[in-house]
Protein backbone atom coordinates (compact mmCIF):
# COMPACT_ATOMS: atom_id res chain seq x y z
CA MET A 1 -19.88 -9.44 -3.36
CA ALA A 2 -19.54 -12.93 -4.78
CA THR A 3 -17.07 -13.15 -7.65
CA ASN A 4 -15.67 -16.03 -9.65
CA LEU A 5 -12.03 -15.62 -10.65
CA ALA A 6 -9.58 -17.77 -12.57
CA ILE A 7 -6.53 -17.46 -10.29
CA ASP A 8 -3.23 -19.16 -11.04
CA ASP A 9 -3.16 -22.16 -8.67
CA SER A 10 0.60 -22.08 -8.13
CA LEU A 11 0.50 -18.37 -7.23
CA LEU A 12 -2.36 -18.90 -4.82
CA LYS A 13 -0.65 -21.87 -3.14
CA LYS A 14 2.54 -19.87 -2.72
CA ALA A 15 0.59 -16.88 -1.36
CA LEU A 16 -1.23 -19.15 1.11
CA ARG A 17 2.08 -20.59 2.31
CA ILE A 18 3.92 -17.27 2.55
CA GLY A 19 1.03 -15.22 3.91
CA GLY A 20 0.04 -17.68 6.59
CA LYS A 21 -3.67 -17.12 6.05
CA LYS A 22 -6.04 -20.05 6.57
CA THR A 23 -8.36 -19.48 3.61
CA LYS A 24 -8.05 -18.51 -0.03
CA LYS A 25 -10.47 -15.66 0.59
CA ASP A 26 -8.32 -14.21 3.38
CA THR A 27 -5.21 -14.62 1.23
CA VAL A 28 -6.73 -12.82 -1.76
CA ASN A 29 -8.14 -10.03 0.42
CA GLU A 30 -4.74 -9.51 2.09
CA ALA A 31 -3.02 -9.47 -1.31
CA LEU A 32 -5.48 -6.84 -2.57
CA LYS A 33 -4.90 -4.69 0.50
CA GLU A 34 -1.12 -4.89 0.04
CA PHE A 35 -1.49 -4.08 -3.66
CA ILE A 36 -3.51 -0.96 -2.86
CA VAL A 37 -1.08 0.20 -0.17
CA ARG A 38 1.91 -0.25 -2.49
CA ARG A 39 0.25 1.68 -5.31
CA GLU A 40 -0.69 4.52 -2.95
CA GLN A 41 2.87 4.63 -1.62
CA LYS A 42 4.17 4.77 -5.17
CA LYS A 43 2.03 7.86 -5.82
CA VAL A 44 3.53 9.56 -2.76
CA LEU A 45 7.07 8.67 -3.83
CA GLU A 46 6.42 10.30 -7.20
CA LEU A 47 5.85 13.60 -5.36
CA PHE A 48 9.40 13.68 -3.95
CA GLY A 49 11.30 16.53 -5.50
CA THR A 50 8.16 18.22 -6.79
CA VAL A 51 7.11 20.03 -3.63
CA GLU A 52 8.56 23.50 -3.28
CA TYR A 53 9.87 24.50 0.13
CA PHE A 54 11.78 27.39 1.64
CA GLU A 55 15.05 26.55 3.37
CA ASP A 56 14.87 29.67 5.56
CA TYR A 57 11.38 28.88 6.90
CA GLU A 58 11.27 28.81 10.71
CA PRO A 59 8.07 27.18 12.01
CA LYS A 60 8.79 28.16 15.62
CA GLN A 61 8.47 31.82 14.70
CA ASN A 62 4.84 31.31 13.69
CA ARG A 63 3.74 29.59 16.89
CA LYS A 64 1.35 31.42 19.17
CA LYS A 65 2.51 31.73 22.75
């Protein structure tokens, strides 16, 4: 999908240098992937402390032999 974006030149130059990608397109795509991964990780972190568990649960007892 072709898209025209007004991207801050200094941010893009820094991202190109730090990311080591050869093209602006590769740099922006990598940045978007990292953004998505970080946001998804943040959602998982928000679940910590909200999942109920039983301290006396023994998974080995439920295994079929």
